[in-house]
Amino acid sequence: MDQNKVLSGLPASLRQELLNAHEEIARNFREKRWEPAELNGGKLCEIVYSILRGHVDGSFPAQASKPSNMVDACKSLEQADKNIFPRSVRIQIPRVLIALYEVRNNRGVGHVGGDVDPNHMDARYVLESAKWVMAELVRVFHGLSVDDATAVVDKLVERTIPVVWEVGDIKRVLRTSLSKKDETLLLLYASSGAVKDTDLFNWVEHSNMSNYRRDVLRRAHKARLIEYDEGTGDVHLLPTGTAYVEERLPLEI
């Protein structure tokens, strides 16, 4: 993902603030830091509001700022000309921001009473809402071809599961007791679209590519857990594979 092209319609400083906030939410979630993930959702809201306000007003700020009243500020975007600005900018994204900010202000700092601490649940909501907002912004402000923009959106909405750790182009399953097949399925579950067999081989750190193809990929293909194209090296997780992961494999560390 080339960050210089993603959301290239935005000022560089504002774009970097947005990407940093999104990554911070995802990182905190992966590390089970539930409350920081929720609080950082508030920062994302402020950045996204600043972007939408600047887009509607025709002049982006150099950096994000906090409106005095987030709810009223987001509602004011509904008054933008519907013949110029899409519903996503005027209504849909702002209403998601209001809900996100509510979680940040009134559920993200301390919970009194109840048998179940909702921090994890709240953090999951913040994470998925942030991904949806980012995907919508890419649709509006991208500087990519349609195909490339679609790929970016797919990347942004990948599943984030704590048992799969990611940095740069490397992914690792943090449960060392799992079989190579189960590691492979978890890695596919945490990815969007096709994954190359060579990437999976490297990520699970198998010792022999021929044996990995024979013992893991071909067997999983035969069991209809994955679709494996040996000609291209593309591996897709099938719906049966998704069910296998969700029913049988650990998603937490």
Protein backbone atom coordinates (compact mmCIF):
# COMPACT_ATOMS: atom_id res chain seq x y z
CA MET A 1 0.00 0.00 0.00
CA ASP A 2 1.65 3.23 -1.16
CA GLN A 3 0.75 5.81 1.50
CA ASN A 4 1.71 8.62 -0.87
CA LYS A 5 -1.19 7.62 -3.13
CA VAL A 6 -3.73 6.55 -0.52
CA LEU A 7 -6.01 9.54 0.14
CA SER A 8 -3.79 11.67 -2.07
CA GLY A 9 -6.53 14.30 -2.28
CA LEU A 10 -5.71 15.32 1.30
CA PRO A 11 -2.85 17.52 2.59
CA ALA A 12 0.13 15.34 3.48
CA SER A 13 0.13 16.25 7.18
CA LEU A 14 -3.60 15.59 7.58
CA ARG A 15 -3.34 12.32 5.64
CA GLN A 16 -0.49 11.15 7.87
CA GLU A 17 -2.47 12.00 11.01
CA LEU A 18 -5.33 9.86 9.72
CA LEU A 19 -3.18 6.87 8.78
CA ASN A 20 -1.34 7.03 12.11
CA ALA A 21 -4.58 7.12 14.10
CA HIS A 22 -6.01 4.16 12.20
CA GLU A 23 -2.83 2.12 12.66
CA GLU A 24 -2.71 2.98 16.36
CA ILE A 25 -6.23 1.67 16.89
CA ALA A 26 -5.40 -1.58 15.07
CA ARG A 27 -2.11 -2.00 16.96
CA ASN A 28 -3.71 -1.43 20.36
CA PHE A 29 -6.40 -3.95 19.53
CA ARG A 30 -3.85 -6.57 18.47
CA GLU A 31 -2.01 -6.02 21.75
CA LYS A 32 -5.24 -6.30 23.80
CA ARG A 33 -4.94 -2.72 24.97
CA TRP A 34 -8.70 -2.28 24.89
CA GLU A 35 -9.08 1.09 26.59
CA PRO A 36 -6.35 2.89 24.57
CA ALA A 37 -7.98 1.49 21.42
CA GLU A 38 -11.27 3.09 22.45
CA LEU A 39 -9.70 6.43 23.41
CA ASN A 40 -7.78 6.65 20.15
CA GLY A 41 -11.09 6.23 18.36
CA GLY A 42 -11.88 9.73 19.58
CA LYS A 43 -8.74 11.10 17.91
CA LEU A 44 -9.73 9.41 14.66
CA CYS A 45 -13.15 11.06 14.87
CA GLU A 46 -11.59 14.50 15.23
CA ILE A 47 -9.32 13.93 12.23
CA VAL A 48 -12.10 12.57 10.01
CA TYR A 49 -14.44 15.41 10.98
CA SER A 50 -11.72 17.94 10.07
CA ILE A 51 -11.32 16.23 6.70
CA LEU A 52 -15.05 16.26 5.95
CA ARG A 53 -15.45 19.86 7.09
CA GLY A 54 -12.54 20.96 4.94
CA HIS A 55 -13.89 19.03 1.95
CA VAL A 56 -17.31 20.67 2.26
CA ASP A 57 -15.87 24.14 2.88
CA GLY A 58 -13.41 23.82 0.00
CA SER A 59 -10.29 24.32 2.12
CA PHE A 60 -8.56 21.64 4.17
CA PRO A 61 -6.86 22.57 7.46
CA ALA A 62 -3.16 21.82 7.78
CA GLN A 63 -3.93 19.61 10.77
CA ALA A 64 -6.95 18.25 12.59
CA SER A 65 -8.68 20.07 15.41
CA LYS A 66 -11.37 19.15 17.92
CA PRO A 67 -14.79 20.76 17.40
CA SER A 68 -16.39 22.27 20.49
CA ASN A 69 -19.35 19.90 20.13
CA MET A 70 -18.76 16.78 18.03
CA VAL A 71 -22.45 15.85 17.71
CA ASP A 72 -23.56 19.29 16.51
CA ALA A 73 -20.52 19.60 14.24
CA CYS A 74 -21.25 16.28 12.53
CA LYS A 75 -24.95 17.11 12.19
CA SER A 76 -24.04 20.40 10.51
CA LEU A 77 -22.46 18.44 7.64
CA GLU A 78 -25.94 17.25 6.69
CA GLN A 79 -26.62 20.78 5.40
CA ALA A 80 -24.00 20.44 2.65
CA ASP A 81 -25.28 20.58 -0.93
CA LYS A 82 -26.50 17.09 -1.81
CA ASN A 83 -25.96 17.84 -5.50
CA ILE A 84 -22.23 18.25 -4.87
CA PHE A 85 -21.37 16.06 -1.91
CA PRO A 86 -22.34 12.37 -1.70
CA ARG A 87 -24.50 11.03 1.10
CA SER A 88 -21.45 9.29 2.54
CA VAL A 89 -19.80 12.66 3.24
CA ARG A 90 -22.93 14.43 4.45
CA ILE A 91 -24.68 11.76 6.52
CA GLN A 92 -23.24 8.27 6.71
CA ILE A 93 -19.66 8.93 7.85
CA PRO A 94 -20.71 11.76 10.24
CA ARG A 95 -23.29 9.53 11.93
CA VAL A 96 -20.70 6.81 12.46
CA LEU A 97 -18.39 9.43 13.98
CA ILE A 98 -21.09 10.44 16.46
CA ALA A 99 -21.47 6.83 17.62
CA LEU A 100 -17.71 6.36 17.84
CA TYR A 101 -17.31 9.52 19.89
CA GLU A 102 -20.05 8.38 22.25
CA VAL A 103 -18.10 5.18 22.97
CA ARG A 104 -14.93 7.21 23.48
CA ASN A 105 -16.57 9.64 25.95
CA ASN A 106 -19.06 7.54 27.86
CA ARG A 107 -17.87 3.93 27.70
CA GLY A 108 -14.12 4.14 27.18
CA VAL A 109 -13.13 5.35 30.64
CA GLY A 110 -14.17 3.05 33.47
CA HIS A 111 -17.19 0.81 33.79
CA VAL A 112 -19.16 0.47 36.99
CA GLY A 113 -21.36 -2.52 37.70
CA GLY A 114 -22.30 -5.44 35.49
CA ASP A 115 -20.91 -8.93 35.38
CA VAL A 116 -19.01 -8.58 32.11
CA ASP A 117 -16.42 -5.90 31.38
CA PRO A 118 -17.41 -4.50 27.95
CA ASN A 119 -13.99 -3.02 27.15
CA HIS A 120 -13.15 -5.77 24.62
CA MET A 121 -16.56 -5.48 22.97
CA ASP A 122 -16.27 -1.70 22.79
CA ALA A 123 -12.77 -1.90 21.33
CA ARG A 124 -13.98 -4.31 18.65
CA TYR A 125 -16.72 -1.84 17.72
CA VAL A 126 -14.20 1.01 17.54
CA LEU A 127 -11.85 -1.05 15.37
CA GLU A 128 -14.46 -2.17 12.85
CA SER A 129 -16.08 1.26 12.67
CA ALA A 130 -12.68 2.85 12.07
CA LYS A 131 -12.00 0.42 9.23
CA TRP A 132 -15.35 1.20 7.61
CA VAL A 133 -14.73 4.95 7.84
CA MET A 134 -11.25 4.56 6.33
CA ALA A 135 -12.64 2.52 3.46
CA GLU A 136 -15.26 5.18 2.76
CA LEU A 137 -12.63 7.92 2.78
CA VAL A 138 -10.53 5.98 0.28
CA ARG A 139 -13.54 5.81 -2.03
CA VAL A 140 -13.98 9.59 -1.85
CA PHE A 141 -10.39 10.84 -1.77
CA HIS A 142 -8.26 8.14 -3.44
CA GLY A 143 -5.77 8.92 -6.19
CA LEU A 144 -5.69 5.36 -7.54
CA SER A 145 -7.32 3.43 -10.35
CA VAL A 146 -10.64 1.78 -9.53
CA ASP A 147 -8.97 -1.64 -9.23
CA ASP A 148 -6.20 -0.33 -7.01
CA ALA A 149 -8.62 1.63 -4.83
CA THR A 150 -10.70 -1.52 -4.37
CA ALA A 151 -7.58 -3.42 -3.30
CA VAL A 152 -6.75 -0.70 -0.76
CA VAL A 153 -10.25 -0.87 0.69
CA ASP A 154 -9.97 -4.66 0.94
CA LYS A 155 -6.66 -4.26 2.75
CA LEU A 156 -8.11 -1.74 5.18
CA VAL A 157 -11.00 -4.02 6.13
CA GLU A 158 -8.93 -7.14 6.73
CA ARG A 159 -9.83 -9.00 9.88
CA THR A 160 -7.70 -8.04 12.86
CA ILE A 161 -7.29 -11.01 15.19
CA PRO A 162 -4.88 -10.95 18.15
CA VAL A 163 -3.44 -14.42 17.44
CA VAL A 164 -2.01 -13.17 14.12
CA TRP A 165 0.77 -10.60 14.48
CA GLU A 166 1.78 -8.44 11.53
CA VAL A 167 4.61 -6.04 10.78
CA GLY A 168 5.43 -4.85 7.27
CA ASP A 169 5.08 -7.80 4.89
CA ILE A 170 5.45 -10.43 7.60
CA LYS A 171 2.66 -12.23 9.47
CA ARG A 172 3.07 -14.72 12.28
CA VAL A 173 0.65 -16.94 14.20
CA LEU A 174 1.48 -16.51 17.88
CA ARG A 175 0.20 -19.93 19.00
CA THR A 176 3.24 -22.17 18.48
CA SER A 177 1.36 -25.39 19.28
CA LEU A 178 -0.75 -25.30 16.10
CA SER A 179 -0.17 -27.45 13.04
CA LYS A 180 1.10 -25.89 9.83
CA LYS A 181 -2.33 -26.44 8.31
CA ASP A 182 -4.06 -24.55 11.12
CA GLU A 183 -1.47 -21.78 11.00
CA THR A 184 -2.06 -21.49 7.25
CA LEU A 185 -5.82 -21.26 7.66
CA LEU A 186 -5.50 -18.59 10.37
CA LEU A 187 -3.19 -16.54 8.16
CA LEU A 188 -5.65 -16.76 5.28
CA TYR A 189 -8.49 -15.83 7.62
CA ALA A 190 -6.60 -12.71 8.69
CA SER A 191 -5.95 -11.68 5.07
CA SER A 192 -8.19 -10.31 2.34
CA GLY A 193 -8.32 -11.94 -1.07
CA ALA A 194 -5.71 -14.31 -2.43
CA VAL A 195 -2.39 -14.95 -0.67
CA LYS A 196 0.63 -16.34 -2.51
CA ASP A 197 1.77 -19.83 -1.52
CA THR A 198 5.32 -18.51 -1.14
CA ASP A 199 4.15 -15.92 1.39
CA LEU A 200 2.29 -18.55 3.41
CA PHE A 201 5.34 -20.82 3.28
CA ASN A 202 7.51 -18.03 4.67
CA TRP A 203 4.98 -16.96 7.29
CA VAL A 204 4.57 -20.46 8.78
CA GLU A 205 8.33 -21.02 8.47
CA HIS A 206 8.00 -24.46 6.92
CA SER A 207 11.33 -26.14 6.14
CA ASN A 208 10.53 -27.40 2.60
CA MET A 209 8.33 -25.78 -0.05
CA SER A 210 7.59 -29.02 -1.91
CA ASN A 211 6.49 -30.71 1.30
CA TYR A 212 4.42 -27.67 2.29
CA ARG A 213 2.56 -27.77 -1.02
CA ARG A 214 2.01 -31.54 -0.73
CA ASP A 215 1.17 -31.89 2.95
CA VAL A 216 -0.63 -28.64 3.66
CA LEU A 217 -1.93 -26.80 0.61
CA ARG A 218 -2.97 -29.72 -1.57
CA ARG A 219 -4.61 -31.53 1.35
CA ALA A 220 -6.49 -28.42 2.42
CA HIS A 221 -7.53 -27.90 -1.20
CA LYS A 222 -8.79 -31.50 -1.42
CA ALA A 223 -10.70 -31.04 1.84
CA ARG A 224 -12.33 -27.93 0.31
CA LEU A 225 -10.96 -25.63 2.98
CA ILE A 226 -9.00 -23.58 0.46
CA GLU A 227 -8.85 -23.02 -3.29
CA TYR A 228 -5.25 -23.46 -4.41
CA ASP A 229 -4.14 -22.55 -7.93
CA GLU A 230 -0.70 -24.08 -8.31
CA GLY A 231 -0.16 -22.29 -11.61
CA THR A 232 -0.41 -18.81 -10.12
CA GLY A 233 0.38 -19.72 -6.53
CA ASP A 234 -2.82 -18.02 -5.36
CA VAL A 235 -4.52 -19.42 -2.26
CA HIS A 236 -8.07 -18.43 -1.26
CA LEU A 237 -9.88 -19.35 1.94
CA LEU A 238 -13.22 -21.01 1.11
CA PRO A 239 -16.39 -20.49 3.22
CA THR A 240 -15.84 -23.97 4.65
CA GLY A 241 -12.35 -22.87 5.65
CA THR A 242 -13.75 -19.78 7.34
CA ALA A 243 -16.19 -21.94 9.31
CA TYR A 244 -13.34 -24.27 10.30
CA VAL A 245 -11.30 -21.36 11.67
CA GLU A 246 -14.19 -19.75 13.56
CA GLU A 247 -15.41 -23.02 15.07
CA ARG A 248 -12.13 -24.81 15.86
CA LEU A 249 -9.18 -22.42 16.07
CA PRO A 250 -8.16 -19.83 18.68
CA LEU A 251 -8.46 -16.22 17.58
CA GLU A 252 -6.98 -14.83 20.79
CA ILE A 253 -3.40 -15.19 22.00
